Amino acid sequence: MKRLTKGQKVFAAFLAAMTIASIIAEFSSHHHGHHWWSGIPLFWIWFGLISCVLLIVFAKNILARFIYKKEDYYNE
C-alpha cells in the first residue's frame, strides 16, 4: 500500500474539514428556497458532487477525442 505524502495528507484533511463544515452548515441554517428541490437535505452537496464527476467524465472521454493526436502526428 502506497503511503501518502505530507501534501496529500494536508489536502485530504482540508477536504475532510470542508465536507464536515458543509454538512454542519446545511443543517444549522434555516433557509427557504424558491424551488421544491431546495428543501431536500444535502441536495446542493450531492448536486455539486455529481456535477463535478460528470464534468470530469465529459472532459476526459469526449473532449479528449478532439485534443489527442496520433503518436506520429508531427512526423508526417
C-alpha atoms as a PDB file:
ATOM      1  CA  MET A   1       0.000   0.000   0.000  1.00  0.00           C
ATOM      2  CA  LYS A   2       1.310   3.399  -1.004  1.00  0.00           C
ATOM      3  CA  ARG A   3       1.922   5.945   1.732  1.00  0.00           C
ATOM      4  CA  LEU A   4       0.625   9.473   1.329  1.00  0.00           C
ATOM      5  CA  THR A   5       2.993  12.407   1.155  1.00  0.00           C
ATOM      6  CA  LYS A   6       2.695  15.297   3.586  1.00  0.00           C
ATOM      7  CA  GLY A   7       0.999  17.453   0.943  1.00  0.00           C
ATOM      8  CA  GLN A   8      -1.545  14.749   0.196  1.00  0.00           C
ATOM      9  CA  LYS A   9      -2.315  14.362   3.900  1.00  0.00           C
ATOM     10  CA  VAL A  10      -2.833  18.114   4.237  1.00  0.00           C
ATOM     11  CA  PHE A  11      -5.100  18.137   1.184  1.00  0.00           C
ATOM     12  CA  ALA A  12      -7.120  15.172   2.492  1.00  0.00           C
ATOM     13  CA  ALA A  13      -7.501  16.877   5.879  1.00  0.00           C
ATOM     14  CA  PHE A  14      -8.635  20.070   4.132  1.00  0.00           C
ATOM     15  CA  LEU A  15     -11.245  18.169   2.114  1.00  0.00           C
ATOM     16  CA  ALA A  16     -12.489  16.382   5.224  1.00  0.00           C
ATOM     17  CA  ALA A  17     -12.767  19.668   7.133  1.00  0.00           C
ATOM     18  CA  MET A  18     -14.646  21.339   4.262  1.00  0.00           C
ATOM     19  CA  THR A  19     -17.015  18.382   3.977  1.00  0.00           C
ATOM     20  CA  ILE A  20     -17.783  18.435   7.686  1.00  0.00           C
ATOM     21  CA  ALA A  21     -18.224  22.223   7.652  1.00  0.00           C
ATOM     22  CA  SER A  22     -20.552  21.982   4.658  1.00  0.00           C
ATOM     23  CA  ILE A  23     -22.729  19.345   6.314  1.00  0.00           C
ATOM     24  CA  ILE A  24     -22.876  21.340   9.563  1.00  0.00           C
ATOM     25  CA  ALA A  25     -23.820  24.495   7.629  1.00  0.00           C
ATOM     26  CA  GLU A  26     -26.500  22.598   5.730  1.00  0.00           C
ATOM     27  CA  PHE A  27     -28.276  21.522   8.904  1.00  0.00           C
ATOM     28  CA  SER A  28     -27.672  24.641  11.009  1.00  0.00           C
ATOM     29  CA  SER A  29     -29.023  27.273   8.627  1.00  0.00           C
ATOM     30  CA  HIS A  30     -32.737  27.665   8.083  1.00  0.00           C
ATOM     31  CA  HIS A  31     -33.118  28.864   4.542  1.00  0.00           C
ATOM     32  CA  HIS A  32     -36.251  28.610   2.494  1.00  0.00           C
ATOM     33  CA  GLY A  33     -35.678  28.043  -1.181  1.00  0.00           C
ATOM     34  CA  HIS A  34     -37.839  29.110  -4.063  1.00  0.00           C
ATOM     35  CA  HIS A  35     -37.989  25.630  -5.580  1.00  0.00           C
ATOM     36  CA  TRP A  36     -39.148  22.257  -4.284  1.00  0.00           C
ATOM     37  CA  TRP A  37     -35.665  20.745  -4.513  1.00  0.00           C
ATOM     38  CA  SER A  38     -34.194  23.384  -2.207  1.00  0.00           C
ATOM     39  CA  GLY A  39     -35.969  21.710   0.695  1.00  0.00           C
ATOM     40  CA  ILE A  40     -34.243  18.350   0.198  1.00  0.00           C
ATOM     41  CA  PRO A  41     -31.499  17.873   2.812  1.00  0.00           C
ATOM     42  CA  LEU A  42     -27.979  17.836   1.327  1.00  0.00           C
ATOM     43  CA  PHE A  43     -29.353  18.462  -2.183  1.00  0.00           C
ATOM     44  CA  TRP A  44     -26.749  21.051  -3.145  1.00  0.00           C
ATOM     45  CA  ILE A  45     -23.894  18.915  -1.841  1.00  0.00           C
ATOM     46  CA  TRP A  46     -24.985  15.956  -3.979  1.00  0.00           C
ATOM     47  CA  PHE A  47     -25.751  18.224  -6.920  1.00  0.00           C
ATOM     48  CA  GLY A  48     -22.235  19.681  -6.794  1.00  0.00           C
ATOM     49  CA  LEU A  49     -20.581  16.278  -6.403  1.00  0.00           C
ATOM     50  CA  ILE A  50     -22.492  14.693  -9.277  1.00  0.00           C
ATOM     51  CA  SER A  51     -21.920  17.759 -11.469  1.00  0.00           C
ATOM     52  CA  CYS A  52     -18.166  17.647 -10.857  1.00  0.00           C
ATOM     53  CA  VAL A  53     -17.978  13.936 -11.625  1.00  0.00           C
ATOM     54  CA  LEU A  54     -19.982  14.362 -14.837  1.00  0.00           C
ATOM     55  CA  LEU A  55     -17.810  17.298 -15.909  1.00  0.00           C
ATOM     56  CA  ILE A  56     -14.636  15.264 -15.357  1.00  0.00           C
ATOM     57  CA  VAL A  57     -16.026  12.271 -17.264  1.00  0.00           C
ATOM     58  CA  PHE A  58     -17.182  14.537 -20.094  1.00  0.00           C
ATOM     59  CA  ALA A  59     -13.863  16.333 -20.338  1.00  0.00           C
ATOM     60  CA  LYS A  60     -11.807  13.173 -20.170  1.00  0.00           C
ATOM     61  CA  ASN A  61     -13.776  10.986 -22.567  1.00  0.00           C
ATOM     62  CA  ILE A  62     -15.500  13.288 -25.005  1.00  0.00           C
ATOM     63  CA  LEU A  63     -13.149  16.249 -25.341  1.00  0.00           C
ATOM     64  CA  ALA A  64     -10.033  14.061 -25.388  1.00  0.00           C
ATOM     65  CA  ARG A  65     -11.050  12.800 -28.825  1.00  0.00           C
ATOM     66  CA  PHE A  66     -10.609  16.316 -30.204  1.00  0.00           C
ATOM     67  CA  ILE A  67      -7.369  17.101 -28.381  1.00  0.00           C
ATOM     68  CA  TYR A  68      -5.241  13.956 -28.658  1.00  0.00           C
ATOM     69  CA  LYS A  69      -3.361  13.304 -31.872  1.00  0.00           C
ATOM     70  CA  LYS A  70      -1.747  10.171 -33.239  1.00  0.00           C
ATOM     71  CA  GLU A  71       1.694   9.303 -31.955  1.00  0.00           C
ATOM     72  CA  ASP A  72       3.339  10.119 -35.293  1.00  0.00           C
ATOM     73  CA  TYR A  73       1.252  13.250 -35.970  1.00  0.00           C
ATOM     74  CA  TYR A  74       4.246  15.608 -36.212  1.00  0.00           C
ATOM     75  CA  ASN A  75       6.497  13.151 -38.076  1.00  0.00           C
ATOM     76  CA  GLU A  76       4.408  13.075 -41.236  1.00  0.00           C
END
